[in-house]
Amino acid sequence: MFPKEKNSTKEGYFHLAPEDRLEFELENQEKEEKEIITEKVFDRLKEKDSQ
């Protein structure tokens, strides 16, 4: 698979109808929050392994 570029996401956003943009933003926010949580979990696991 090819990595997604941020520009393609931005272009996709502007091609959406105004009422769909809110849903698009919420989905992006949820993805970012899940990535942050995942990083925190892995950091904690690394800390436990190093002890």
N, C-alpha and C. Protein backbone atom coordinates (compact mmCIF):
# COMPACT_ATOMS: atom_id res chain seq x y z
N MET A 1 0.83 -1.18 0.00
CA MET A 1 0.00 0.00 0.00
C MET A 1 0.87 1.24 0.00
N PHE A 2 0.35 2.30 -0.56
CA PHE A 2 1.05 3.57 -0.59
C PHE A 2 0.66 4.39 0.63
N PRO A 3 1.63 5.05 1.23
CA PRO A 3 1.27 5.89 2.38
C PRO A 3 0.39 7.05 1.95
N LYS A 4 -0.56 7.38 2.79
CA LYS A 4 -1.45 8.50 2.49
C LYS A 4 -0.75 9.81 2.82
N GLU A 5 -0.95 10.77 1.98
CA GLU A 5 -0.37 12.09 2.22
C GLU A 5 -1.42 12.98 2.85
N LYS A 6 -0.98 13.93 3.64
CA LYS A 6 -1.91 14.83 4.29
C LYS A 6 -2.65 15.69 3.27
N ASN A 7 -2.03 15.99 2.15
CA ASN A 7 -2.68 16.81 1.13
C ASN A 7 -3.91 16.11 0.59
N SER A 8 -3.84 14.79 0.41
CA SER A 8 -5.00 14.08 -0.12
C SER A 8 -6.16 14.16 0.86
N THR A 9 -5.88 14.13 2.14
CA THR A 9 -6.92 14.26 3.15
C THR A 9 -7.54 15.65 3.09
N LYS A 10 -6.69 16.64 2.93
CA LYS A 10 -7.18 18.02 2.86
C LYS A 10 -8.06 18.21 1.63
N GLU A 11 -7.64 17.68 0.50
CA GLU A 11 -8.43 17.81 -0.72
C GLU A 11 -9.76 17.07 -0.58
N GLY A 12 -9.74 15.90 0.04
CA GLY A 12 -10.96 15.15 0.26
C GLY A 12 -11.93 15.91 1.13
N TYR A 13 -11.42 16.60 2.10
CA TYR A 13 -12.26 17.39 3.00
C TYR A 13 -13.00 18.48 2.23
N PHE A 14 -12.31 19.19 1.37
CA PHE A 14 -12.93 20.30 0.65
C PHE A 14 -13.88 19.85 -0.44
N HIS A 15 -13.82 18.58 -0.84
CA HIS A 15 -14.75 18.06 -1.83
C HIS A 15 -16.04 17.56 -1.18
N LEU A 16 -16.08 17.50 0.14
CA LEU A 16 -17.28 17.04 0.84
C LEU A 16 -18.33 18.14 0.91
N ALA A 17 -19.56 17.70 1.04
CA ALA A 17 -20.65 18.65 1.28
C ALA A 17 -20.47 19.22 2.68
N PRO A 18 -20.90 20.46 2.91
CA PRO A 18 -20.69 21.08 4.24
C PRO A 18 -21.21 20.24 5.40
N GLU A 19 -22.32 19.57 5.23
CA GLU A 19 -22.86 18.77 6.34
C GLU A 19 -22.03 17.52 6.62
N ASP A 20 -21.26 17.06 5.62
CA ASP A 20 -20.41 15.88 5.82
C ASP A 20 -19.06 16.24 6.42
N ARG A 21 -18.71 17.50 6.39
CA ARG A 21 -17.39 17.92 6.90
C ARG A 21 -17.27 17.70 8.39
N LEU A 22 -18.34 17.92 9.14
CA LEU A 22 -18.29 17.72 10.58
C LEU A 22 -17.99 16.26 10.90
N GLU A 23 -18.67 15.35 10.21
CA GLU A 23 -18.43 13.92 10.44
C GLU A 23 -16.99 13.56 10.08
N PHE A 24 -16.49 14.12 8.99
CA PHE A 24 -15.11 13.89 8.57
C PHE A 24 -14.13 14.36 9.64
N GLU A 25 -14.38 15.54 10.20
CA GLU A 25 -13.51 16.08 11.25
C GLU A 25 -13.55 15.20 12.50
N LEU A 26 -14.73 14.73 12.87
CA LEU A 26 -14.84 13.87 14.04
C LEU A 26 -14.09 12.56 13.84
N GLU A 27 -14.17 11.98 12.65
CA GLU A 27 -13.45 10.74 12.37
C GLU A 27 -11.94 10.97 12.47
N ASN A 28 -11.46 12.08 11.93
CA ASN A 28 -10.04 12.40 12.02
C ASN A 28 -9.61 12.59 13.46
N GLN A 29 -10.43 13.26 14.25
CA GLN A 29 -10.10 13.49 15.65
C GLN A 29 -10.03 12.17 16.41
N GLU A 30 -10.97 11.26 16.12
CA GLU A 30 -10.97 9.95 16.78
C GLU A 30 -9.72 9.17 16.41
N LYS A 31 -9.30 9.22 15.15
CA LYS A 31 -8.08 8.53 14.72
C LYS A 31 -6.87 9.07 15.46
N GLU A 32 -6.78 10.39 15.56
CA GLU A 32 -5.64 11.00 16.25
C GLU A 32 -5.62 10.60 17.72
N GLU A 33 -6.79 10.60 18.37
CA GLU A 33 -6.86 10.23 19.78
C GLU A 33 -6.45 8.77 19.98
N LYS A 34 -6.88 7.89 19.08
CA LYS A 34 -6.50 6.48 19.18
C LYS A 34 -5.00 6.30 19.00
N GLU A 35 -4.40 7.06 18.09
CA GLU A 35 -2.96 6.98 17.88
C GLU A 35 -2.20 7.43 19.12
N ILE A 36 -2.68 8.50 19.75
CA ILE A 36 -2.03 9.01 20.96
C ILE A 36 -2.13 8.00 22.08
N ILE A 37 -3.30 7.40 22.25
CA ILE A 37 -3.50 6.40 23.30
C ILE A 37 -2.61 5.19 23.05
N THR A 38 -2.52 4.76 21.80
CA THR A 38 -1.68 3.62 21.45
C THR A 38 -0.23 3.91 21.78
N GLU A 39 0.24 5.11 21.45
CA GLU A 39 1.62 5.48 21.76
C GLU A 39 1.87 5.44 23.26
N LYS A 40 0.92 5.93 24.05
CA LYS A 40 1.07 5.93 25.51
C LYS A 40 1.15 4.50 26.05
N VAL A 41 0.32 3.62 25.51
CA VAL A 41 0.33 2.22 25.95
C VAL A 41 1.69 1.59 25.64
N PHE A 42 2.20 1.81 24.42
CA PHE A 42 3.49 1.23 24.07
C PHE A 42 4.61 1.81 24.93
N ASP A 43 4.53 3.10 25.25
CA ASP A 43 5.54 3.71 26.13
C ASP A 43 5.51 3.05 27.50
N ARG A 44 4.34 2.79 28.03
CA ARG A 44 4.23 2.15 29.34
C ARG A 44 4.76 0.73 29.30
N LEU A 45 4.48 0.02 28.21
CA LEU A 45 4.99 -1.34 28.07
C LEU A 45 6.52 -1.34 27.99
N LYS A 46 7.08 -0.38 27.30
CA LYS A 46 8.55 -0.28 27.20
C LYS A 46 9.13 -0.01 28.58
N GLU A 47 8.47 0.85 29.37
CA GLU A 47 8.96 1.16 30.72
C GLU A 47 8.95 -0.08 31.59
N LYS A 48 7.90 -0.88 31.50
CA LYS A 48 7.80 -2.10 32.30
C LYS A 48 8.85 -3.12 31.88
N ASP A 49 9.12 -3.21 30.59
CA ASP A 49 10.13 -4.15 30.10
C ASP A 49 11.53 -3.75 30.53
N SER A 50 11.79 -2.47 30.63
CA SER A 50 13.12 -2.00 30.99
C SER A 50 13.40 -2.13 32.48
N GLN A 51 12.36 -2.33 33.27
CA GLN A 51 12.56 -2.43 34.73
C GLN A 51 12.96 -3.80 35.15
